[in-house]
Amino acid sequence: MRARDARRLTGPNLELGLREGPGAVVELAFDAGEDPATLTEAVAAALRGVIGAPTQHVTARAWPGGAAVATGGAIDTLYALVDALEWAAEHVAGSAELSPAAASARYHDAVRTQANARLLALEAAAAERGAPFLWDDDAVSVGYGHRSRTWAAGDVPAVDEVPWGEVGAVPIAVVTGTNGKTTTSRMLTRILTHAGHVVGASSTDGIVVGGELVEKGDWTGPGAARRILRDPAVTAAVLETARGGMLRRGLGVSACDAAVVTNIAEDHFGDHGIASLESMARVKALAWSIVREGGRRVANAEDPTLVARVAEEPGAGHPDAGWVFFAREAAHPVIAAHRAAGGEAWVVDGDAIARCLGAEAHPVLPLAELPAAFGGAAVHNVANALAAAATAAGLGVDDATIAGALRSFGRAPDDNPGRLEVYERGGVRVLLDFGHNPHGVRAVHGPIAALMAQAPGGRVAVCVGQAGDRSDADLQALVHEACRVNPARAFVRPLPGYERGRATGDTERVLRAAFLAEGLTPDDVIDVADEIDALERGFAWARPGDLLVHLVHVQRADCRRWLEARP
């Protein structure tokens, strides 16, 4: 046995749940022949011995070949807890340098050294007053957005120095799921902007406040939430939340007004012991667990894994618990049952997006007026629009504002960069899309078919790359979905810096072999240096009427510039 990772849990998380609050966790890896249950309990027992609190809340979660042992604690003791957990794992493994007595002494010394009475007093005072509270190594704040006050971590104010009458919350929506998070977040941000809010939004592209990019990069973890909610301009927040941050640190906020889970699909299996759709759904369902009383929990009725997860949640999908479902099929059985119970649902009714309350259905927007739907071919964007509309309604936005915002979304490439961007140069079309897993690639089949119907006899080429933390089976499944559009040529590219444990070139080797197994010839599977090289070779091969399906991941801005410069 060995300790693989020890870290703080700074928000609501899978290991400790919502009410046990912040804490720390150590992940364990077991060798063949070891007894995980016995070793895991030994680590928990050693931890209790070090911290000297037999009633301390300690949890254990096991999976094939590994486990996680976690404990809750005050926010000023978390580094000491991480150290104690790491020692407990090393002690059971026989590699600890300190004796139990010495480890305990070190832990208690660290607790005394790290004690921050002012921080804990401020946290308690905020809780007593129902005021939001955020903390990290750099800053501490009370309230959110334009109703917040922030201080440096080394200058925590006394309770009576806080202007309590001026601090408070702003509307917050959490958006999670396997695919569709970014588009749903962007649609929801557009809706809230049309409703008059200055929206702080986080996504895989960065942090945007009031429509201006303030930080580029993948900001889908708790750090993004804190940064947005401390911005004094923000009047509403849309927090795209990925499973990585949820598993490593927990959620960035302890409460929100609405949370939507778009779908559950195979992606990143194996990380932190998450290896099934059901376990992934447990992670994503954390977003629902922090919805305030009277808030909205939005779920995809067409996703059977999600529907099964809802059945395990408080209120079990009942309207009285704030559950709202969406589906592209108005007659879907889950929708029908929910409406029969008087619940709200967002569906496609005939040729329009509609809000349903019980037996009543209210058309909101014809699909023909939804640019992001790609003429109805982009069925995943129909689902994303339903998810965004249902969430916005839960934040108090009226139907007319929702319709106006969605009607404006998707007319310009900058509305949803990297998602279904279509360019035409010299009769050759290029489709840029972020599809990065089988589910995401499957979603662009409809738009590809619609584009090819416009040019009978045209050929398709696909450009594929992938990070190395997917299994061979995942890579093969990605290629299988790409080949369902019958490509005449495939470009295989590396993702430098994303090898994630694989040897250089190994991911491309698996992708190449998968294309050959799907029936392409060696001459039609081309290795390229990067995404720009793929575009150059694609245009050298293509003729008018052809379509280059470019699944762009790391060079989106470069690809757009290259295409915009091409006559």
Protein backbone atom coordinates (compact mmCIF):
# COMPACT_ATOMS: atom_id res chain seq x y z
CA MET A 1 0.00 0.00 0.00
CA ARG A 2 1.10 3.57 -0.64
CA ALA A 3 -0.30 7.07 -0.28
CA ARG A 4 -1.03 8.46 -3.72
CA ASP A 5 -2.27 11.94 -2.83
CA ALA A 6 -3.11 13.91 0.31
CA ARG A 7 -4.90 17.24 0.02
CA ARG A 8 -7.37 19.67 1.54
CA LEU A 9 -11.11 19.53 0.82
CA THR A 10 -12.21 23.14 0.90
CA GLY A 11 -15.91 22.84 0.05
CA PRO A 12 -18.83 20.38 -0.13
CA ASN A 13 -17.35 17.19 -1.54
CA LEU A 14 -17.90 13.53 -2.30
CA GLU A 15 -15.85 12.25 0.62
CA LEU A 16 -17.49 14.19 3.45
CA GLY A 17 -20.74 15.38 1.92
CA LEU A 18 -22.30 18.77 2.54
CA ARG A 19 -22.80 19.10 6.27
CA GLU A 20 -19.42 17.79 7.41
CA GLY A 21 -17.83 20.70 5.63
CA PRO A 22 -14.15 21.26 4.87
CA GLY A 23 -11.55 18.66 5.67
CA ALA A 24 -8.72 16.64 4.19
CA VAL A 25 -8.31 13.36 2.32
CA VAL A 26 -5.60 10.87 1.47
CA GLU A 27 -5.96 8.54 -1.49
CA LEU A 28 -4.46 5.07 -1.17
CA ALA A 29 -3.24 2.63 -3.80
CA PHE A 30 -3.11 -1.11 -3.05
CA ASP A 31 -0.93 -3.82 -4.50
CA ALA A 32 -2.20 -7.22 -5.57
CA GLY A 33 -2.83 -9.51 -2.62
CA GLU A 34 -3.39 -6.70 -0.09
CA ASP A 35 -6.65 -6.45 1.84
CA PRO A 36 -8.05 -2.97 1.08
CA ALA A 37 -10.72 -3.06 3.81
CA THR A 38 -8.26 -3.95 6.57
CA LEU A 39 -5.64 -1.44 5.42
CA THR A 40 -8.15 1.35 4.99
CA GLU A 41 -9.50 0.85 8.51
CA ALA A 42 -5.94 0.76 9.81
CA VAL A 43 -5.24 4.14 8.22
CA ALA A 44 -8.44 5.57 9.75
CA ALA A 45 -7.47 4.18 13.17
CA ALA A 46 -3.95 5.59 12.92
CA LEU A 47 -5.40 8.98 12.01
CA ARG A 48 -7.72 8.98 15.01
CA GLY A 49 -4.75 8.15 17.22
CA VAL A 50 -2.76 11.11 15.90
CA ILE A 51 -5.49 13.74 16.16
CA GLY A 52 -6.71 12.36 19.49
CA ALA A 53 -10.40 12.67 18.71
CA PRO A 54 -12.16 9.31 18.59
CA THR A 55 -15.43 10.98 17.61
CA GLN A 56 -13.84 12.87 14.74
CA HIS A 57 -15.81 12.33 11.56
CA VAL A 58 -13.70 9.96 9.41
CA THR A 59 -14.98 8.43 6.19
CA ALA A 60 -13.62 5.82 3.80
CA ARG A 61 -14.55 5.25 0.14
CA ALA A 62 -13.12 2.24 -1.66
CA TRP A 63 -12.75 1.24 -5.31
CA PRO A 64 -10.83 -1.50 -7.11
CA GLY A 65 -7.17 -0.99 -6.26
CA GLY A 66 -7.67 2.13 -4.18
CA ALA A 67 -9.50 4.00 -1.45
CA ALA A 68 -9.88 7.44 0.08
CA VAL A 69 -9.80 8.20 3.80
CA ALA A 70 -11.09 11.64 4.77
CA THR A 71 -11.80 13.65 7.88
CA GLY A 72 -13.54 16.94 8.56
CA GLY A 73 -11.99 19.81 10.43
CA ALA A 74 -11.94 23.53 11.12
CA ILE A 75 -10.73 25.62 8.22
CA ASP A 76 -7.60 26.74 10.09
CA THR A 77 -6.45 23.15 10.75
CA LEU A 78 -6.62 21.67 7.24
CA TYR A 79 -2.89 21.69 6.51
CA ALA A 80 -2.28 19.91 9.81
CA LEU A 81 -4.94 17.34 8.87
CA VAL A 82 -3.32 16.72 5.47
CA ASP A 83 -0.02 16.06 7.20
CA ALA A 84 -1.68 13.71 9.72
CA LEU A 85 -3.46 11.75 6.97
CA GLU A 86 -0.27 11.36 4.99
CA TRP A 87 1.55 10.13 8.10
CA ALA A 88 -1.24 7.65 8.89
CA ALA A 89 -0.96 6.12 5.41
CA GLU A 90 2.83 5.91 5.65
CA HIS A 91 2.59 4.41 9.14
CA VAL A 92 0.33 1.58 7.95
CA ALA A 93 2.57 1.07 4.92
CA GLY A 94 5.59 0.84 7.22
CA SER A 95 7.41 3.83 5.77
CA ALA A 96 6.69 6.55 8.36
CA GLU A 97 9.72 8.18 9.92
CA LEU A 98 7.89 9.40 13.04
CA SER A 99 6.44 7.29 15.83
CA PRO A 100 2.71 7.67 16.62
CA ALA A 101 3.55 9.78 19.66
CA ALA A 102 5.84 12.07 17.66
CA ALA A 103 3.29 12.37 14.84
CA SER A 104 0.60 13.33 17.35
CA ALA A 105 2.85 15.94 18.93
CA ARG A 106 3.65 17.38 15.51
CA TYR A 107 -0.05 17.52 14.61
CA HIS A 108 -1.06 19.36 17.78
CA ASP A 109 1.86 21.76 17.45
CA ALA A 110 0.74 22.53 13.89
CA VAL A 111 -2.85 23.10 15.03
CA ARG A 112 -1.67 25.60 17.62
CA THR A 113 0.61 27.33 15.12
CA GLN A 114 -2.06 27.51 12.39
CA ALA A 115 -4.89 28.56 14.72
CA ASN A 116 -6.70 31.64 13.46
CA ALA A 117 -9.30 32.72 16.01
CA ARG A 118 -10.36 35.78 13.99
CA LEU A 119 -11.00 33.67 10.89
CA LEU A 120 -13.15 31.20 12.80
CA ALA A 121 -15.02 34.00 14.57
CA LEU A 122 -15.77 35.65 11.22
CA GLU A 123 -16.94 32.33 9.77
CA ALA A 124 -19.25 31.77 12.75
CA ALA A 125 -20.61 35.32 12.64
CA ALA A 126 -21.38 35.02 8.93
CA ALA A 127 -23.19 31.73 9.49
CA GLU A 128 -25.21 33.24 12.35
CA ARG A 129 -26.31 36.11 10.11
CA GLY A 130 -26.91 33.96 7.03
CA ALA A 131 -24.20 35.84 5.12
CA PRO A 132 -22.03 34.09 2.48
CA PHE A 133 -18.46 33.40 3.58
CA LEU A 134 -15.46 32.58 1.37
CA TRP A 135 -11.87 31.90 2.35
CA ASP A 136 -8.60 30.71 0.87
CA ASP A 137 -4.88 31.18 1.42
CA ASP A 138 -4.95 34.68 -0.06
CA ALA A 139 -8.21 36.27 1.04
CA VAL A 140 -11.34 36.04 3.12
CA SER A 141 -14.65 37.59 2.15
CA VAL A 142 -18.20 38.02 3.36
CA GLY A 143 -21.05 38.40 0.89
CA TYR A 144 -20.99 37.88 -2.86
CA GLY A 145 -20.34 40.13 -5.82
CA HIS A 146 -21.48 43.72 -5.45
CA ARG A 147 -22.66 42.84 -1.93
CA SER A 148 -19.28 41.52 -0.79
CA ARG A 149 -16.33 42.75 1.25
CA THR A 150 -12.89 41.14 0.91
CA TRP A 151 -9.78 41.29 3.09
CA ALA A 152 -6.30 39.83 2.75
CA ALA A 153 -5.90 36.52 4.56
CA GLY A 154 -3.38 38.14 6.90
CA ASP A 155 -5.72 40.99 7.77
CA VAL A 156 -8.94 39.29 8.85
CA PRO A 157 -11.26 41.89 10.44
CA ALA A 158 -12.90 41.60 13.83
CA VAL A 159 -16.58 40.69 13.70
CA ASP A 160 -17.68 44.21 14.68
CA GLU A 161 -15.60 45.73 11.86
CA VAL A 162 -17.73 44.12 9.14
CA PRO A 163 -20.55 46.24 7.63
CA TRP A 164 -23.06 43.42 8.02
CA GLY A 165 -25.96 45.48 6.74
CA GLU A 166 -24.25 45.91 3.38
CA VAL A 167 -23.26 42.30 2.64
CA GLY A 168 -25.40 39.56 1.19
CA ALA A 169 -25.89 37.08 -1.64
CA VAL A 170 -26.40 37.38 -5.38
CA PRO A 171 -28.20 34.81 -7.58
CA ILE A 172 -25.92 31.84 -8.28
CA ALA A 173 -26.36 28.99 -10.75
CA VAL A 174 -24.09 25.95 -10.85
CA VAL A 175 -23.82 24.13 -14.19
CA THR A 176 -22.30 20.67 -14.37
CA GLY A 177 -22.51 17.45 -16.38
CA THR A 178 -20.25 15.57 -18.78
CA ASN A 179 -21.04 17.46 -21.97
CA GLY A 180 -22.86 20.68 -22.75
CA LYS A 181 -21.69 22.54 -19.63
CA THR A 182 -19.98 25.38 -21.44
CA THR A 183 -22.72 25.99 -23.99
CA THR A 184 -25.41 25.82 -21.31
CA SER A 185 -23.40 28.24 -19.16
CA ARG A 186 -22.97 30.64 -22.06
CA MET A 187 -26.68 30.50 -22.89
CA LEU A 188 -27.61 31.08 -19.25
CA THR A 189 -25.15 33.96 -19.04
CA ARG A 190 -26.76 35.55 -22.12
CA ILE A 191 -30.21 35.17 -20.56
CA LEU A 192 -29.18 36.74 -17.25
CA THR A 193 -27.42 39.56 -19.12
CA HIS A 194 -30.63 40.27 -21.02
CA ALA A 195 -32.38 40.32 -17.65
CA GLY A 196 -30.15 43.22 -16.63
CA HIS A 197 -27.46 41.47 -14.60
CA VAL A 198 -23.73 41.97 -14.64
CA VAL A 199 -22.87 38.30 -14.86
CA GLY A 200 -19.71 36.68 -13.61
CA ALA A 201 -19.27 33.41 -15.47
CA SER A 202 -16.64 30.68 -15.32
CA SER A 203 -16.00 28.05 -17.96
CA THR A 204 -13.32 25.98 -19.64
CA ASP A 205 -12.41 29.14 -21.59
CA GLY A 206 -11.91 31.46 -18.65
CA ILE A 207 -13.62 33.95 -16.35
CA VAL A 208 -15.88 36.56 -17.90
CA VAL A 209 -17.44 39.48 -16.01
CA GLY A 210 -19.98 41.68 -17.75
CA GLY A 211 -19.03 40.21 -21.11
CA GLU A 212 -15.32 40.97 -20.71
CA LEU A 213 -12.71 38.22 -20.41
CA VAL A 214 -10.78 38.82 -17.20
CA GLU A 215 -8.83 35.55 -17.00
CA LYS A 216 -8.17 33.08 -19.81
CA GLY A 217 -7.84 29.34 -19.19
CA ASP A 218 -9.78 26.41 -17.81
CA TRP A 219 -11.58 27.94 -14.82
CA THR A 220 -14.12 25.35 -13.72
CA GLY A 221 -12.99 24.76 -10.14
CA PRO A 222 -13.54 26.42 -6.77
CA GLY A 223 -10.91 29.08 -7.44
CA ALA A 224 -13.08 30.45 -10.24
CA ALA A 225 -16.11 30.66 -7.95
CA ARG A 226 -14.18 32.65 -5.35
CA ARG A 227 -12.74 35.02 -7.92
CA ILE A 228 -16.13 35.74 -9.49
CA LEU A 229 -18.00 36.09 -6.22
CA ARG A 230 -15.46 38.60 -4.88
CA ASP A 231 -15.80 40.85 -7.93
CA PRO A 232 -17.64 44.00 -6.83
CA ALA A 233 -19.28 44.40 -10.24
CA VAL A 234 -21.05 41.02 -10.25
CA THR A 235 -24.81 40.91 -9.65
CA ALA A 236 -25.32 37.26 -10.69
CA ALA A 237 -23.00 34.28 -11.18
CA VAL A 238 -22.96 31.28 -13.52
CA LEU A 239 -20.42 28.74 -12.34
CA GLU A 240 -19.51 25.97 -14.78
CA THR A 241 -18.24 23.23 -12.51
CA ALA A 242 -16.20 20.26 -13.73
CA ARG A 243 -15.75 16.93 -12.01
CA GLY A 244 -12.02 17.46 -11.52
CA GLY A 245 -12.37 20.37 -9.14
CA MET A 246 -15.30 18.73 -7.38
CA LEU A 247 -13.23 15.63 -6.69
CA ARG A 248 -9.99 17.35 -5.78
CA ARG A 249 -11.26 20.21 -3.62
CA GLY A 250 -15.04 20.14 -3.53
CA LEU A 251 -17.48 22.79 -4.66
CA GLY A 252 -16.52 26.45 -4.60
CA VAL A 253 -19.69 27.53 -2.81
CA SER A 254 -21.78 25.95 -0.07
CA ALA A 255 -25.12 27.19 -1.41
CA CYS A 256 -26.66 28.23 -4.71
CA ASP A 257 -30.07 29.19 -6.07
CA ALA A 258 -30.17 26.76 -9.00
CA ALA A 259 -28.12 23.81 -10.17
CA VAL A 260 -28.39 21.94 -13.46
CA VAL A 261 -26.81 18.63 -14.47
CA THR A 262 -26.82 18.34 -18.26
CA ASN A 263 -25.99 14.64 -18.72
CA ILE A 264 -23.71 11.81 -17.62
CA ALA A 265 -21.39 10.06 -20.07
CA GLU A 266 -18.16 8.08 -20.01
CA ASP A 267 -15.26 10.47 -19.61
CA HIS A 268 -12.22 10.58 -17.33
CA PHE A 269 -13.11 7.19 -15.85
CA GLY A 270 -10.54 5.96 -13.36
CA ASP A 271 -9.68 9.32 -11.79
CA HIS A 272 -10.19 9.36 -8.00
CA GLY A 273 -11.96 6.01 -8.12
CA ILE A 274 -14.78 7.16 -10.41
CA ALA A 275 -15.19 4.31 -12.89
CA SER A 276 -18.90 4.04 -13.72
CA LEU A 277 -21.76 6.25 -14.87
CA GLU A 278 -23.42 5.78 -11.50
CA SER A 279 -20.37 6.95 -9.53
CA MET A 280 -19.93 9.90 -11.89
CA ALA A 281 -23.57 10.83 -11.29
CA ARG A 282 -22.89 10.86 -7.53
CA VAL A 283 -20.15 13.41 -8.11
CA LYS A 284 -22.27 15.65 -10.34
CA ALA A 285 -25.20 15.42 -7.92
CA LEU A 286 -23.15 17.39 -5.40
CA ALA A 287 -24.38 20.47 -7.26
CA TRP A 288 -27.99 19.63 -6.37
CA SER A 289 -27.06 19.11 -2.72
CA ILE A 290 -26.20 22.78 -2.18
CA VAL A 291 -29.39 24.29 -3.64
CA ARG A 292 -31.03 26.55 -1.09
CA GLU A 293 -34.52 25.88 0.20
CA GLY A 294 -36.90 27.17 -2.43
CA GLY A 295 -34.24 26.86 -5.14
CA ARG A 296 -34.27 24.85 -8.34
CA ARG A 297 -32.72 21.48 -9.17
CA VAL A 298 -32.70 20.91 -12.94
CA ALA A 299 -32.20 17.45 -14.45
CA ASN A 300 -32.13 15.91 -17.92
CA ALA A 301 -35.12 13.57 -18.13
CA GLU A 302 -33.63 11.80 -21.15
CA ASP A 303 -30.56 10.62 -19.25
CA PRO A 304 -31.41 7.34 -17.46
CA THR A 305 -28.38 7.54 -15.16
CA LEU A 306 -29.40 11.00 -14.02
CA VAL A 307 -33.03 9.99 -13.55
CA ALA A 308 -31.91 7.07 -11.37
CA ARG A 309 -29.70 9.47 -9.38
CA VAL A 310 -32.61 11.87 -8.84
CA ALA A 311 -34.55 8.99 -7.30
CA GLU A 312 -31.83 8.80 -4.60
CA GLU A 313 -31.87 12.53 -3.86
CA PRO A 314 -33.91 14.36 -1.20
CA GLY A 315 -37.40 14.94 -2.52
CA ALA A 316 -36.85 12.22 -5.17
CA GLY A 317 -37.66 14.52 -8.08
CA HIS A 318 -40.88 15.91 -6.61
CA PRO A 319 -41.88 19.46 -7.59
CA ASP A 320 -42.15 20.46 -3.91
CA ALA A 321 -38.39 19.84 -3.58
CA GLY A 322 -37.65 22.20 -6.48
CA TRP A 323 -37.09 19.55 -9.14
CA VAL A 324 -37.54 20.57 -12.77
CA PHE A 325 -36.91 18.28 -15.73
CA PHE A 326 -36.11 19.04 -19.35
CA ALA A 327 -36.33 16.83 -22.44
CA ARG A 328 -36.51 17.20 -26.19
CA GLU A 329 -39.52 14.86 -26.21
CA ALA A 330 -42.67 16.33 -24.70
CA ALA A 331 -44.13 12.83 -24.33
CA HIS A 332 -41.14 11.39 -22.49
CA PRO A 333 -42.41 9.19 -19.61
CA VAL A 334 -40.38 11.05 -16.97
CA ILE A 335 -41.79 14.36 -18.20
CA ALA A 336 -45.33 12.98 -18.28
CA ALA A 337 -45.09 11.67 -14.71
CA HIS A 338 -43.56 14.91 -13.45
CA ARG A 339 -46.26 17.02 -15.08
CA ALA A 340 -48.95 14.73 -13.72
CA ALA A 341 -47.62 15.58 -10.24
CA GLY A 342 -47.97 19.28 -11.04
CA GLY A 343 -44.30 19.78 -11.82
CA GLU A 344 -42.54 22.16 -14.17
CA ALA A 345 -40.79 20.86 -17.29
CA TRP A 346 -39.11 22.41 -20.30
CA VAL A 347 -39.64 20.50 -23.55
CA VAL A 348 -39.90 20.75 -27.30
CA ASP A 349 -43.63 20.89 -27.95
CA GLY A 350 -44.30 20.66 -31.66
CA ASP A 351 -41.75 23.01 -33.20
CA ALA A 352 -41.14 25.23 -30.18
CA ILE A 353 -39.41 25.28 -26.82
CA ALA A 354 -42.16 25.29 -24.22
CA ARG A 355 -42.45 25.72 -20.46
CA CYS A 356 -44.92 23.26 -18.99
CA LEU A 357 -46.56 23.52 -15.59
CA GLY A 358 -48.72 20.53 -14.89
CA ALA A 359 -51.05 20.02 -17.84
CA GLU A 360 -50.47 23.50 -19.24
CA ALA A 361 -47.85 24.14 -21.92
CA HIS A 362 -46.64 27.65 -22.80
CA PRO A 363 -44.66 28.08 -26.04
CA VAL A 364 -41.58 30.23 -25.45
CA LEU A 365 -39.51 30.16 -28.64
CA PRO A 366 -39.87 28.46 -32.04
CA LEU A 367 -36.91 26.20 -32.77
CA ALA A 368 -36.52 27.95 -36.11
CA GLU A 369 -35.61 31.11 -34.16
CA LEU A 370 -32.88 29.38 -32.12
CA PRO A 371 -29.65 29.94 -34.11
CA ALA A 372 -27.62 27.54 -31.99
CA ALA A 373 -29.95 24.69 -32.97
CA PHE A 374 -28.42 24.65 -36.46
CA GLY A 375 -31.81 24.32 -38.10
CA GLY A 376 -32.78 21.63 -35.61
CA ALA A 377 -29.85 19.41 -36.57
CA ALA A 378 -27.87 20.32 -33.42
CA VAL A 379 -30.15 18.41 -31.11
CA HIS A 380 -27.64 18.71 -28.27
CA ASN A 381 -27.93 22.50 -28.43
CA VAL A 382 -31.69 22.17 -28.22
CA ALA A 383 -31.13 20.25 -24.98
CA ASN A 384 -28.63 22.88 -23.80
CA ALA A 385 -31.14 25.64 -24.48
CA LEU A 386 -33.81 23.77 -22.51
CA ALA A 387 -31.39 23.35 -19.60
CA ALA A 388 -30.43 27.03 -19.64
CA ALA A 389 -34.05 28.17 -19.90
CA ALA A 390 -35.19 25.94 -17.03
CA THR A 391 -32.36 27.22 -14.84
CA ALA A 392 -32.97 30.85 -15.73
CA ALA A 393 -36.65 30.51 -14.91
CA GLY A 394 -35.62 29.24 -11.49
CA LEU A 395 -33.67 32.47 -11.03
CA GLY A 396 -36.78 34.51 -11.75
CA VAL A 397 -36.28 35.37 -15.42
CA ASP A 398 -39.51 35.68 -17.42
CA ASP A 399 -40.26 33.77 -20.62
CA ALA A 400 -39.99 36.79 -22.92
CA THR A 401 -36.48 37.59 -21.70
CA ILE A 402 -35.45 33.95 -22.05
CA ALA A 403 -36.77 33.86 -25.62
CA GLY A 404 -35.07 37.12 -26.59
CA ALA A 405 -31.72 36.00 -25.23
CA LEU A 406 -31.80 32.57 -26.88
CA ARG A 407 -32.92 34.15 -30.13
CA SER A 408 -29.73 36.24 -30.09
CA PHE A 409 -27.35 33.41 -29.13
CA GLY A 410 -25.40 31.67 -31.87
CA ARG A 411 -25.57 34.32 -34.56
CA ALA A 412 -21.87 35.18 -34.16
CA PRO A 413 -18.90 32.79 -33.73
CA ASP A 414 -17.93 34.58 -30.51
CA ASP A 415 -21.24 33.62 -28.92
CA ASN A 416 -20.11 30.02 -28.52
CA PRO A 417 -16.47 29.75 -29.64
CA GLY A 418 -15.25 26.26 -30.36
CA ARG A 419 -18.76 24.84 -30.61
CA LEU A 420 -20.23 24.27 -34.07
CA GLU A 421 -18.27 27.05 -35.74
CA VAL A 422 -18.61 26.75 -39.51
CA TYR A 423 -16.31 28.44 -42.03
CA GLU A 424 -16.24 28.23 -45.83
CA ARG A 425 -13.15 29.00 -47.82
CA GLY A 426 -13.04 28.39 -51.56
CA GLY A 427 -16.02 26.05 -51.36
CA VAL A 428 -14.41 23.93 -48.64
CA ARG A 429 -16.29 23.94 -45.32
CA VAL A 430 -14.65 23.61 -41.91
CA LEU A 431 -16.51 22.65 -38.75
CA LEU A 432 -14.68 23.54 -35.54
CA ASP A 433 -16.02 21.82 -32.46
CA PHE A 434 -14.70 20.96 -29.01
CA GLY A 435 -16.11 17.41 -29.07
CA HIS A 436 -13.56 15.55 -26.98
CA ASN A 437 -15.26 12.31 -26.00
CA PRO A 438 -17.59 9.84 -27.75
CA HIS A 439 -20.71 11.55 -26.41
CA GLY A 440 -19.50 14.94 -27.60
CA VAL A 441 -18.55 13.68 -31.06
CA ARG A 442 -21.89 11.93 -31.38
CA ALA A 443 -23.58 15.28 -30.81
CA VAL A 444 -22.12 16.76 -34.02
CA HIS A 445 -23.35 13.94 -36.26
CA GLY A 446 -26.58 15.82 -37.00
CA PRO A 447 -24.89 19.09 -38.01
CA ILE A 448 -22.41 17.16 -40.16
CA ALA A 449 -25.25 15.38 -41.93
CA ALA A 450 -27.00 18.71 -42.52
CA LEU A 451 -23.85 20.24 -44.00
CA MET A 452 -23.22 17.26 -46.25
CA ALA A 453 -26.80 17.35 -47.51
CA GLN A 454 -25.99 20.78 -48.91
CA ALA A 455 -23.16 19.37 -51.05
CA PRO A 456 -24.02 15.92 -52.45
CA GLY A 457 -20.87 14.07 -53.42
CA GLY A 458 -18.72 15.96 -50.94
CA ARG A 459 -16.21 14.11 -48.78
CA VAL A 460 -15.51 14.34 -45.06
CA ALA A 461 -12.17 14.46 -43.27
CA VAL A 462 -11.81 14.36 -39.51
CA CYS A 463 -9.02 15.63 -37.29
CA VAL A 464 -8.69 13.91 -33.90
CA GLY A 465 -6.39 14.20 -30.91
CA GLN A 466 -6.83 13.25 -27.26
CA ALA A 467 -5.21 13.57 -23.86
CA GLY A 468 -3.38 10.53 -22.55
CA ASP A 469 -5.51 10.00 -19.44
CA ARG A 470 -8.12 8.06 -21.43
CA SER A 471 -7.99 4.30 -21.73
CA ASP A 472 -7.36 2.54 -25.03
CA ALA A 473 -11.07 1.61 -25.06
CA ASP A 474 -12.02 5.29 -24.63
CA LEU A 475 -9.76 6.29 -27.51
CA GLN A 476 -11.19 3.56 -29.71
CA ALA A 477 -14.74 4.65 -28.86
CA LEU A 478 -13.85 8.22 -29.82
CA VAL A 479 -12.59 7.06 -33.22
CA HIS A 480 -15.65 4.86 -33.71
CA GLU A 481 -17.95 7.86 -33.30
CA ALA A 482 -15.77 9.94 -35.63
CA CYS A 483 -15.99 7.20 -38.25
CA ARG A 484 -19.77 7.11 -38.17
CA VAL A 485 -19.71 10.13 -40.51
CA ASN A 486 -17.80 8.01 -43.06
CA PRO A 487 -14.61 10.06 -43.31
CA ALA A 488 -12.48 9.64 -46.40
CA ARG A 489 -9.42 10.86 -44.52
CA ALA A 490 -8.34 11.16 -40.89
CA PHE A 491 -5.70 13.42 -39.38
CA VAL A 492 -4.20 12.27 -36.08
CA ARG A 493 -2.45 14.89 -33.99
CA PRO A 494 -0.62 14.96 -30.65
CA LEU A 495 -1.54 17.13 -27.68
CA PRO A 496 1.86 18.13 -26.26
CA GLY A 497 1.71 18.56 -22.52
CA TYR A 498 -1.38 16.39 -22.20
CA GLU A 499 0.34 12.99 -22.24
CA ARG A 500 -0.78 12.48 -18.62
CA GLY A 501 1.12 9.32 -17.93
CA ARG A 502 1.45 7.92 -21.46
CA ALA A 503 4.69 7.79 -23.38
CA THR A 504 5.07 10.40 -26.10
CA GLY A 505 3.27 9.20 -29.23
CA ASP A 506 1.37 6.38 -27.52
CA THR A 507 -2.04 8.09 -27.68
CA GLU A 508 -1.62 8.80 -31.39
CA ARG A 509 -0.57 5.18 -31.96
CA VAL A 510 -3.83 3.94 -30.44
CA LEU A 511 -5.91 6.46 -32.40
CA ARG A 512 -4.19 5.55 -35.65
CA ALA A 513 -4.73 1.83 -35.09
CA ALA A 514 -8.38 2.47 -34.30
CA PHE A 515 -8.92 4.30 -37.59
CA LEU A 516 -7.32 1.41 -39.46
CA ALA A 517 -9.57 -1.02 -37.60
CA GLU A 518 -12.57 1.04 -38.72
CA GLY A 519 -11.61 0.43 -42.36
CA LEU A 520 -9.50 3.42 -43.39
CA THR A 521 -6.35 2.65 -45.36
CA PRO A 522 -2.87 3.58 -44.09
CA ASP A 523 -2.65 6.23 -46.83
CA ASP A 524 -5.80 7.89 -45.50
CA VAL A 525 -4.69 8.12 -41.84
CA ILE A 526 -2.25 11.02 -41.70
CA ASP A 527 -0.05 12.02 -38.79
CA VAL A 528 0.14 15.78 -38.32
CA ALA A 529 2.21 17.97 -36.02
CA ASP A 530 -0.64 20.02 -34.57
CA GLU A 531 -4.05 21.50 -35.33
CA ILE A 532 -2.73 24.10 -37.78
CA ASP A 533 -0.77 21.45 -39.67
CA ALA A 534 -4.01 19.47 -39.90
CA LEU A 535 -5.83 22.46 -41.44
CA GLU A 536 -3.04 23.03 -43.96
CA ARG A 537 -3.00 19.40 -45.02
CA GLY A 538 -6.78 19.25 -45.01
CA PHE A 539 -7.07 22.15 -47.44
CA ALA A 540 -4.32 20.67 -49.62
CA TRP A 541 -6.45 17.51 -49.88
CA ALA A 542 -9.94 19.00 -50.04
CA ARG A 543 -11.94 20.13 -53.04
CA PRO A 544 -15.09 22.30 -53.16
CA GLY A 545 -17.98 20.59 -51.39
CA ASP A 546 -15.76 18.74 -48.91
CA LEU A 547 -16.06 19.18 -45.15
CA LEU A 548 -13.16 19.22 -42.68
CA VAL A 549 -14.43 18.22 -39.23
CA HIS A 550 -11.82 19.68 -36.93
CA LEU A 551 -12.20 18.61 -33.31
CA VAL A 552 -10.16 21.48 -31.94
CA HIS A 553 -8.95 21.37 -28.34
CA VAL A 554 -5.83 23.43 -27.61
CA GLN A 555 -5.30 25.76 -30.60
CA ARG A 556 -8.79 27.11 -31.17
CA ALA A 557 -7.74 30.76 -31.37
CA ASP A 558 -4.88 29.87 -33.74
CA CYS A 559 -7.25 27.89 -35.95
CA ARG A 560 -9.72 30.75 -36.10
CA ARG A 561 -6.99 33.22 -37.03
CA TRP A 562 -5.68 30.84 -39.70
CA LEU A 563 -9.15 30.42 -41.20
CA GLU A 564 -9.97 34.13 -41.05
CA ALA A 565 -6.72 34.92 -42.89
CA ARG A 566 -7.43 32.40 -45.66
CA PRO A 567 -9.18 33.88 -48.69
